[in-house]
């Protein structure tokens, strides 16, 4: 009995650090693990468009890459993400394409297709100038409808 208890205790002691590492690793996974990245940062805009609830967040790359080294030569300063959900059921809508066009305070334009991530779509943009940015999004989901959303975002 003592021998089996000792073996069990040893096995438990060896697996505990692995379980602890796995739990910590989920939180380091840029928010894609235990906590969704969409939970990070403040909501920049939210609206219901033709039965789809769109939640937009804009966060600085420092916040987005917290705990990681910023890649050298990276000119993008902000991460733009959108979470799409069925307005009635709250079910995440993760299949489709999302394009975002950003008009800067200096009238410069950036257009990108947001990459599908776990529970949301996102891409990095250069919002280095202070002022108002016009954010225009179009999304085509599984139902075949094209929806759009527009809002202003101010960088201080």
N, C-alpha and C. Protein backbone atom coordinates (compact mmCIF):
# COMPACT_ATOMS: atom_id res chain seq x y z
N UNK A 1 0.82 -1.20 0.00
CA UNK A 1 0.00 0.00 0.00
C UNK A 1 0.87 1.26 0.00
N UNK A 2 1.91 1.25 0.85
CA UNK A 2 2.79 2.41 0.92
C UNK A 2 3.49 2.65 -0.41
N UNK A 3 3.88 1.54 -1.08
CA UNK A 3 4.59 1.66 -2.35
C UNK A 3 3.70 2.29 -3.42
N UNK A 4 2.43 1.88 -3.51
CA UNK A 4 1.53 2.44 -4.52
C UNK A 4 1.21 3.90 -4.21
N UNK A 5 1.10 4.24 -2.94
CA UNK A 5 0.86 5.63 -2.55
C UNK A 5 2.06 6.49 -2.93
N UNK A 6 3.26 5.95 -2.70
CA UNK A 6 4.47 6.67 -3.05
C UNK A 6 4.57 6.88 -4.57
N UNK A 7 4.24 5.85 -5.35
CA UNK A 7 4.28 5.96 -6.81
C UNK A 7 3.24 6.98 -7.28
N UNK A 8 2.05 6.94 -6.72
CA UNK A 8 1.00 7.89 -7.08
C UNK A 8 1.43 9.33 -6.76
N UNK A 9 2.02 9.53 -5.57
CA UNK A 9 2.47 10.87 -5.17
C UNK A 9 3.58 11.36 -6.10
N UNK A 10 4.48 10.48 -6.49
CA UNK A 10 5.57 10.86 -7.39
C UNK A 10 5.02 11.24 -8.76
N UNK A 11 4.08 10.45 -9.27
CA UNK A 11 3.47 10.75 -10.57
C UNK A 11 2.74 12.08 -10.53
N UNK A 12 2.03 12.33 -9.45
CA UNK A 12 1.31 13.59 -9.28
C UNK A 12 2.29 14.76 -9.22
N UNK A 13 3.38 14.60 -8.52
CA UNK A 13 4.38 15.66 -8.41
C UNK A 13 5.01 15.97 -9.76
N UNK A 14 5.19 14.95 -10.59
CA UNK A 14 5.79 15.16 -11.91
C UNK A 14 4.82 15.79 -12.91
N UNK A 15 3.54 15.51 -12.78
CA UNK A 15 2.57 16.05 -13.74
C UNK A 15 2.06 17.43 -13.34
N UNK A 16 2.15 17.81 -12.09
CA UNK A 16 1.65 19.11 -11.65
C UNK A 16 2.32 20.27 -12.39
N UNK A 17 3.67 20.26 -12.53
CA UNK A 17 4.28 21.38 -13.28
C UNK A 17 3.81 21.44 -14.73
N UNK A 18 3.55 20.29 -15.37
CA UNK A 18 3.06 20.29 -16.74
C UNK A 18 1.68 20.90 -16.82
N UNK A 19 0.82 20.58 -15.89
CA UNK A 19 -0.54 21.15 -15.88
C UNK A 19 -0.47 22.65 -15.64
N UNK A 20 0.43 23.06 -14.75
CA UNK A 20 0.60 24.49 -14.47
C UNK A 20 1.10 25.22 -15.72
N UNK A 21 2.06 24.63 -16.43
CA UNK A 21 2.58 25.23 -17.65
C UNK A 21 1.48 25.37 -18.70
N UNK A 22 0.68 24.31 -18.85
CA UNK A 22 -0.40 24.34 -19.85
C UNK A 22 -1.39 25.45 -19.52
N UNK A 23 -1.72 25.62 -18.25
CA UNK A 23 -2.67 26.66 -17.86
C UNK A 23 -2.09 28.04 -18.14
N UNK A 24 -0.81 28.25 -17.80
CA UNK A 24 -0.17 29.54 -18.06
C UNK A 24 -0.03 29.78 -19.55
N UNK A 25 0.28 28.75 -20.31
CA UNK A 25 0.49 28.89 -21.74
C UNK A 25 -0.78 29.36 -22.45
N UNK A 26 -1.94 28.91 -21.99
CA UNK A 26 -3.20 29.35 -22.59
C UNK A 26 -3.36 30.86 -22.48
N UNK A 27 -2.94 31.43 -21.36
CA UNK A 27 -3.10 32.87 -21.17
C UNK A 27 -2.06 33.67 -21.95
N UNK A 28 -0.94 33.06 -22.30
CA UNK A 28 0.08 33.75 -23.06
C UNK A 28 -0.20 33.70 -24.56
N UNK A 29 -1.14 32.90 -24.97
CA UNK A 29 -1.39 32.65 -26.38
C UNK A 29 -2.11 33.82 -27.04
N UNK A 30 -1.61 35.04 -26.82
CA UNK A 30 -2.19 36.26 -27.40
C UNK A 30 -3.70 36.31 -27.22
N UNK A 31 -4.19 35.73 -26.14
CA UNK A 31 -5.61 35.78 -25.89
C UNK A 31 -6.40 34.74 -26.64
N UNK A 32 -5.75 33.88 -27.40
CA UNK A 32 -6.47 32.89 -28.18
C UNK A 32 -6.70 31.61 -27.41
N UNK A 33 -6.21 31.53 -26.17
CA UNK A 33 -6.35 30.33 -25.37
C UNK A 33 -7.60 30.39 -24.53
N UNK A 34 -7.41 30.38 -23.21
CA UNK A 34 -8.54 30.36 -22.29
C UNK A 34 -9.41 31.59 -22.38
N UNK A 35 -8.79 32.73 -22.62
CA UNK A 35 -9.55 33.98 -22.75
C UNK A 35 -9.47 34.45 -24.19
N UNK A 36 -10.60 34.81 -24.74
CA UNK A 36 -10.64 35.30 -26.11
C UNK A 36 -9.97 36.66 -26.18
N UNK A 37 -9.25 36.91 -27.27
CA UNK A 37 -8.61 38.20 -27.44
C UNK A 37 -9.65 39.31 -27.51
N UNK A 38 -10.83 39.01 -27.97
CA UNK A 38 -11.88 40.03 -28.07
C UNK A 38 -12.26 40.54 -26.68
N UNK A 39 -11.92 39.77 -25.63
CA UNK A 39 -12.18 40.22 -24.26
C UNK A 39 -11.21 41.32 -23.85
N UNK A 40 -10.10 41.46 -24.57
CA UNK A 40 -9.10 42.47 -24.25
C UNK A 40 -9.49 43.81 -24.87
N UNK A 41 -9.08 44.89 -24.24
CA UNK A 41 -9.30 46.22 -24.80
C UNK A 41 -10.73 46.69 -24.70
N UNK A 42 -10.93 47.97 -24.99
CA UNK A 42 -12.25 48.58 -24.91
C UNK A 42 -12.95 48.50 -26.27
N UNK A 43 -14.27 48.45 -26.23
CA UNK A 43 -15.07 48.40 -27.45
C UNK A 43 -15.02 49.77 -28.13
N UNK A 44 -14.64 49.77 -29.41
CA UNK A 44 -14.58 51.01 -30.19
C UNK A 44 -15.93 51.31 -30.83
N UNK A 45 -16.68 50.25 -31.19
CA UNK A 45 -17.97 50.43 -31.86
C UNK A 45 -18.73 49.11 -31.79
N UNK A 46 -20.04 49.22 -31.67
CA UNK A 46 -20.88 48.03 -31.67
C UNK A 46 -22.22 48.38 -32.30
N UNK A 47 -22.69 47.50 -33.19
CA UNK A 47 -24.00 47.71 -33.80
C UNK A 47 -24.54 46.39 -34.32
N UNK A 48 -25.86 46.36 -34.54
CA UNK A 48 -26.50 45.20 -35.15
C UNK A 48 -26.80 45.57 -36.60
N UNK A 49 -26.28 44.75 -37.52
CA UNK A 49 -26.47 44.99 -38.95
C UNK A 49 -27.17 43.77 -39.54
N UNK A 50 -28.42 43.93 -39.94
CA UNK A 50 -29.16 42.86 -40.60
C UNK A 50 -29.05 41.52 -39.86
N UNK A 51 -29.32 41.56 -38.54
CA UNK A 51 -29.34 40.34 -37.73
C UNK A 51 -27.99 39.88 -37.20
N UNK A 52 -26.93 40.66 -37.47
CA UNK A 52 -25.59 40.30 -36.99
C UNK A 52 -25.08 41.40 -36.07
N UNK A 53 -24.68 40.99 -34.86
CA UNK A 53 -24.11 41.94 -33.91
C UNK A 53 -22.61 42.00 -34.16
N UNK A 54 -22.11 43.19 -34.52
CA UNK A 54 -20.69 43.40 -34.80
C UNK A 54 -20.08 44.22 -33.67
N UNK A 55 -19.04 43.67 -33.05
CA UNK A 55 -18.33 44.36 -31.98
C UNK A 55 -16.90 44.61 -32.44
N UNK A 56 -16.53 45.88 -32.56
CA UNK A 56 -15.19 46.26 -33.02
C UNK A 56 -14.35 46.71 -31.83
N UNK A 57 -13.11 46.28 -31.83
CA UNK A 57 -12.15 46.74 -30.82
C UNK A 57 -10.88 47.16 -31.54
N UNK A 58 -10.26 48.23 -31.04
CA UNK A 58 -9.00 48.71 -31.57
C UNK A 58 -8.06 48.78 -30.38
N UNK A 59 -6.93 48.08 -30.47
CA UNK A 59 -5.98 48.10 -29.36
C UNK A 59 -4.57 48.35 -29.87
N UNK A 60 -3.77 48.99 -29.03
CA UNK A 60 -2.39 49.28 -29.42
C UNK A 60 -1.62 47.96 -29.53
N UNK A 61 -0.63 47.94 -30.38
CA UNK A 61 0.18 46.73 -30.54
C UNK A 61 0.92 46.41 -29.25
N UNK A 62 1.24 47.41 -28.44
CA UNK A 62 1.89 47.15 -27.16
C UNK A 62 0.97 46.31 -26.28
N UNK A 63 -0.32 46.65 -26.27
CA UNK A 63 -1.29 45.89 -25.48
C UNK A 63 -1.52 44.52 -26.12
N UNK A 64 -1.63 44.49 -27.44
CA UNK A 64 -1.88 43.25 -28.18
C UNK A 64 -0.74 42.25 -28.03
N UNK A 65 0.50 42.73 -28.02
CA UNK A 65 1.68 41.87 -27.97
C UNK A 65 2.28 41.81 -26.56
N UNK A 66 1.51 42.15 -25.56
CA UNK A 66 1.98 42.19 -24.18
C UNK A 66 2.68 40.87 -23.82
N UNK A 67 3.88 40.99 -23.29
CA UNK A 67 4.64 39.82 -22.88
C UNK A 67 5.45 39.19 -24.01
N UNK A 68 5.37 39.76 -25.21
CA UNK A 68 6.13 39.24 -26.34
C UNK A 68 6.99 40.35 -26.93
N UNK A 69 8.00 39.97 -27.68
CA UNK A 69 8.86 40.95 -28.31
C UNK A 69 8.23 41.43 -29.61
N UNK A 70 8.23 42.74 -29.79
CA UNK A 70 7.69 43.32 -31.03
C UNK A 70 8.64 43.00 -32.18
N UNK A 71 8.12 42.54 -33.31
CA UNK A 71 8.99 42.26 -34.46
C UNK A 71 9.68 43.53 -34.96
N UNK A 72 10.95 43.40 -35.33
CA UNK A 72 11.71 44.55 -35.83
C UNK A 72 11.11 45.01 -37.17
N UNK A 73 11.07 46.32 -37.37
CA UNK A 73 10.58 46.88 -38.62
C UNK A 73 9.07 46.89 -38.75
N UNK A 74 8.37 46.56 -37.69
CA UNK A 74 6.90 46.54 -37.74
C UNK A 74 6.39 47.97 -37.69
N UNK A 75 5.63 48.39 -38.72
CA UNK A 75 5.12 49.76 -38.75
C UNK A 75 3.68 49.84 -38.25
N UNK A 76 2.99 48.72 -38.16
CA UNK A 76 1.61 48.73 -37.67
C UNK A 76 1.61 49.04 -36.18
N UNK A 77 0.72 49.93 -35.77
CA UNK A 77 0.68 50.39 -34.39
C UNK A 77 -0.54 49.89 -33.62
N UNK A 78 -1.57 49.42 -34.34
CA UNK A 78 -2.81 49.00 -33.70
C UNK A 78 -3.36 47.72 -34.32
N UNK A 79 -4.05 46.94 -33.50
CA UNK A 79 -4.73 45.72 -33.95
C UNK A 79 -6.22 46.02 -33.97
N UNK A 80 -6.86 45.79 -35.11
CA UNK A 80 -8.30 46.00 -35.24
C UNK A 80 -8.95 44.62 -35.31
N UNK A 81 -9.95 44.42 -34.48
CA UNK A 81 -10.64 43.13 -34.47
C UNK A 81 -12.15 43.34 -34.45
N UNK A 82 -12.85 42.37 -35.02
CA UNK A 82 -14.31 42.40 -35.01
C UNK A 82 -14.82 41.01 -34.67
N UNK A 83 -15.76 41.00 -33.76
CA UNK A 83 -16.44 39.77 -33.37
C UNK A 83 -17.85 39.85 -33.93
N UNK A 84 -18.25 38.83 -34.66
CA UNK A 84 -19.58 38.79 -35.26
C UNK A 84 -20.40 37.69 -34.60
N UNK A 85 -21.61 38.04 -34.19
CA UNK A 85 -22.51 37.07 -33.54
C UNK A 85 -23.91 37.21 -34.11
N UNK A 86 -24.63 36.11 -34.10
CA UNK A 86 -26.05 36.14 -34.45
C UNK A 86 -26.74 36.99 -33.39
N UNK A 87 -27.46 38.02 -33.80
CA UNK A 87 -28.07 38.96 -32.85
C UNK A 87 -29.10 38.29 -31.94
N UNK A 88 -29.80 37.27 -32.45
CA UNK A 88 -30.82 36.59 -31.64
C UNK A 88 -30.23 35.56 -30.68
N UNK A 89 -29.43 34.65 -31.22
CA UNK A 89 -28.93 33.54 -30.41
C UNK A 89 -27.63 33.84 -29.68
N UNK A 90 -26.87 34.84 -30.16
CA UNK A 90 -25.57 35.13 -29.57
C UNK A 90 -24.48 34.18 -30.05
N UNK A 91 -24.82 33.30 -30.99
CA UNK A 91 -23.87 32.32 -31.50
C UNK A 91 -22.81 33.02 -32.35
N UNK A 92 -21.50 32.74 -32.11
CA UNK A 92 -20.44 33.35 -32.91
C UNK A 92 -20.54 32.97 -34.39
N UNK A 93 -20.30 33.95 -35.25
CA UNK A 93 -20.28 33.73 -36.70
C UNK A 93 -18.82 33.87 -37.13
N UNK A 94 -18.18 32.75 -37.41
CA UNK A 94 -16.74 32.75 -37.66
C UNK A 94 -16.38 32.39 -39.10
N UNK A 95 -17.37 32.10 -39.93
CA UNK A 95 -17.09 31.75 -41.32
C UNK A 95 -17.50 32.90 -42.23
N UNK A 96 -16.56 33.33 -43.06
CA UNK A 96 -16.82 34.42 -43.98
C UNK A 96 -15.59 35.26 -44.19
N UNK A 97 -15.78 36.40 -44.83
CA UNK A 97 -14.67 37.32 -45.06
C UNK A 97 -15.04 38.70 -44.53
N UNK A 98 -14.04 39.38 -44.00
CA UNK A 98 -14.22 40.73 -43.48
C UNK A 98 -13.11 41.60 -44.06
N UNK A 99 -13.51 42.70 -44.70
CA UNK A 99 -12.54 43.67 -45.22
C UNK A 99 -12.75 44.98 -44.48
N UNK A 100 -11.63 45.61 -44.12
CA UNK A 100 -11.69 46.89 -43.43
C UNK A 100 -10.85 47.90 -44.19
N UNK A 101 -11.43 49.08 -44.38
CA UNK A 101 -10.73 50.21 -45.00
C UNK A 101 -10.68 51.30 -43.94
N UNK A 102 -9.48 51.83 -43.72
CA UNK A 102 -9.31 52.89 -42.73
C UNK A 102 -8.80 54.14 -43.44
N UNK A 103 -9.53 55.23 -43.24
CA UNK A 103 -9.16 56.53 -43.79
C UNK A 103 -8.54 57.34 -42.66
N UNK A 104 -7.26 57.71 -42.83
CA UNK A 104 -6.53 58.42 -41.78
C UNK A 104 -6.84 59.90 -41.73
N UNK A 105 -6.41 60.57 -40.66
CA UNK A 105 -6.63 62.01 -40.53
C UNK A 105 -5.92 62.80 -41.63
N UNK A 106 -4.90 62.19 -42.25
CA UNK A 106 -4.17 62.84 -43.34
C UNK A 106 -4.70 62.39 -44.71
N UNK A 107 -5.87 61.76 -44.73
CA UNK A 107 -6.55 61.25 -45.93
C UNK A 107 -5.88 60.01 -46.55
N UNK A 108 -4.90 59.43 -45.85
CA UNK A 108 -4.28 58.19 -46.33
C UNK A 108 -5.27 57.04 -46.12
N UNK A 109 -5.14 56.00 -46.96
CA UNK A 109 -6.05 54.86 -46.88
C UNK A 109 -5.28 53.57 -46.68
N UNK A 110 -5.85 52.68 -45.88
CA UNK A 110 -5.33 51.34 -45.69
C UNK A 110 -6.51 50.38 -45.83
N UNK A 111 -6.36 49.34 -46.63
CA UNK A 111 -7.41 48.35 -46.80
C UNK A 111 -6.81 46.97 -46.58
N UNK A 112 -7.45 46.18 -45.73
CA UNK A 112 -6.96 44.82 -45.45
C UNK A 112 -8.12 43.88 -45.26
N UNK A 113 -7.89 42.62 -45.63
CA UNK A 113 -8.84 41.57 -45.30
C UNK A 113 -8.43 41.04 -43.93
N UNK A 114 -9.37 41.04 -43.00
CA UNK A 114 -9.08 40.58 -41.66
C UNK A 114 -9.00 39.05 -41.65
N UNK A 115 -8.04 38.55 -40.91
CA UNK A 115 -7.81 37.12 -40.82
C UNK A 115 -8.76 36.53 -39.78
N UNK A 116 -9.35 35.38 -40.11
CA UNK A 116 -10.19 34.69 -39.16
C UNK A 116 -9.34 34.10 -38.05
N UNK A 117 -9.70 34.41 -36.82
CA UNK A 117 -8.99 33.90 -35.64
C UNK A 117 -10.01 33.18 -34.78
N UNK A 118 -9.61 32.73 -33.63
CA UNK A 118 -10.53 32.00 -32.76
C UNK A 118 -11.59 32.95 -32.21
N UNK A 119 -12.76 32.92 -32.83
CA UNK A 119 -13.88 33.72 -32.34
C UNK A 119 -13.99 35.12 -32.90
N UNK A 120 -13.02 35.56 -33.70
CA UNK A 120 -13.10 36.90 -34.26
C UNK A 120 -12.23 36.99 -35.51
N UNK A 121 -12.27 38.16 -36.14
CA UNK A 121 -11.44 38.47 -37.30
C UNK A 121 -10.54 39.63 -36.89
N UNK A 122 -9.29 39.66 -37.37
CA UNK A 122 -8.40 40.75 -36.98
C UNK A 122 -7.26 40.98 -37.95
N UNK A 123 -6.70 42.20 -37.89
CA UNK A 123 -5.53 42.59 -38.69
C UNK A 123 -4.88 43.80 -38.02
N UNK A 124 -3.63 44.05 -38.40
CA UNK A 124 -2.87 45.16 -37.84
C UNK A 124 -2.82 46.33 -38.83
N UNK A 125 -2.93 47.55 -38.29
CA UNK A 125 -2.95 48.77 -39.10
C UNK A 125 -2.03 49.81 -38.50
N UNK A 126 -1.61 50.77 -39.31
CA UNK A 126 -0.79 51.88 -38.86
C UNK A 126 -1.70 53.06 -38.52
N UNK A 127 -1.90 53.28 -37.23
CA UNK A 127 -2.69 54.43 -36.75
C UNK A 127 -1.77 55.32 -35.91
N UNK A 128 -0.60 55.64 -36.45
CA UNK A 128 0.42 56.37 -35.69
C UNK A 128 0.16 57.87 -35.59
N UNK A 129 -0.65 58.42 -36.46
CA UNK A 129 -0.95 59.86 -36.41
C UNK A 129 -2.14 60.11 -35.49
N UNK A 130 -2.03 61.18 -34.72
CA UNK A 130 -3.14 61.55 -33.84
C UNK A 130 -4.27 62.13 -34.68
N UNK A 131 -5.51 61.86 -34.27
CA UNK A 131 -6.65 62.40 -34.98
C UNK A 131 -7.74 61.36 -35.19
N UNK A 132 -8.73 61.73 -36.04
CA UNK A 132 -9.89 60.89 -36.31
C UNK A 132 -9.63 59.98 -37.50
N UNK A 133 -9.96 58.71 -37.33
CA UNK A 133 -9.85 57.71 -38.39
C UNK A 133 -11.25 57.22 -38.74
N UNK A 134 -11.54 57.15 -40.01
CA UNK A 134 -12.80 56.57 -40.47
C UNK A 134 -12.58 55.08 -40.70
N UNK A 135 -13.38 54.26 -40.04
CA UNK A 135 -13.25 52.81 -40.17
C UNK A 135 -14.49 52.30 -40.90
N UNK A 136 -14.27 51.66 -42.04
CA UNK A 136 -15.37 51.12 -42.84
C UNK A 136 -15.14 49.62 -43.01
N UNK A 137 -16.14 48.83 -42.65
CA UNK A 137 -16.00 47.38 -42.75
C UNK A 137 -17.11 46.80 -43.60
N UNK A 138 -16.76 45.78 -44.38
CA UNK A 138 -17.74 45.00 -45.13
C UNK A 138 -17.51 43.55 -44.77
N UNK A 139 -18.58 42.84 -44.48
CA UNK A 139 -18.42 41.43 -44.17
C UNK A 139 -19.43 40.59 -44.92
N UNK A 140 -18.91 39.52 -45.50
CA UNK A 140 -19.71 38.54 -46.24
C UNK A 140 -19.68 37.26 -45.42
N UNK A 141 -20.84 36.86 -44.93
CA UNK A 141 -20.91 35.67 -44.09
C UNK A 141 -21.52 34.50 -44.86
N UNK A 142 -21.62 33.39 -44.17
CA UNK A 142 -22.09 32.13 -44.75
C UNK A 142 -23.45 32.25 -45.45
N UNK A 143 -24.30 33.18 -44.96
CA UNK A 143 -25.64 33.33 -45.54
C UNK A 143 -25.62 34.05 -46.89
N UNK A 144 -24.45 34.53 -47.34
CA UNK A 144 -24.32 35.15 -48.65
C UNK A 144 -24.62 36.65 -48.68
N UNK A 145 -25.05 37.23 -47.55
CA UNK A 145 -25.36 38.66 -47.51
C UNK A 145 -24.10 39.47 -47.20
N UNK A 146 -23.97 40.60 -47.90
CA UNK A 146 -22.89 41.53 -47.61
C UNK A 146 -23.44 42.59 -46.65
N UNK A 147 -22.78 42.76 -45.54
CA UNK A 147 -23.18 43.77 -44.56
C UNK A 147 -22.04 44.77 -44.41
N UNK A 148 -22.37 45.97 -43.95
CA UNK A 148 -21.32 46.96 -43.76
C UNK A 148 -21.55 47.75 -42.48
N UNK A 149 -20.48 48.32 -41.99
CA UNK A 149 -20.51 49.11 -40.77
C UNK A 149 -19.46 50.21 -40.90
N UNK A 150 -19.75 51.40 -40.37
CA UNK A 150 -18.82 52.52 -40.40
C UNK A 150 -18.82 53.20 -39.03
N UNK A 151 -17.65 53.66 -38.64
CA UNK A 151 -17.56 54.44 -37.40
C UNK A 151 -16.28 55.25 -37.40
N UNK A 152 -16.22 56.21 -36.48
CA UNK A 152 -15.03 57.04 -36.31
C UNK A 152 -14.28 56.55 -35.10
N UNK A 153 -12.95 56.54 -35.20
CA UNK A 153 -12.09 56.15 -34.08
C UNK A 153 -11.04 57.24 -33.91
N UNK A 154 -10.88 57.76 -32.70
CA UNK A 154 -9.93 58.83 -32.46
C UNK A 154 -8.69 58.32 -31.73
N UNK A 155 -7.52 58.65 -32.29
CA UNK A 155 -6.25 58.35 -31.64
C UNK A 155 -5.78 59.63 -31.00
N UNK A 156 -5.55 59.56 -29.70
CA UNK A 156 -5.14 60.76 -28.94
C UNK A 156 -3.66 60.81 -28.74
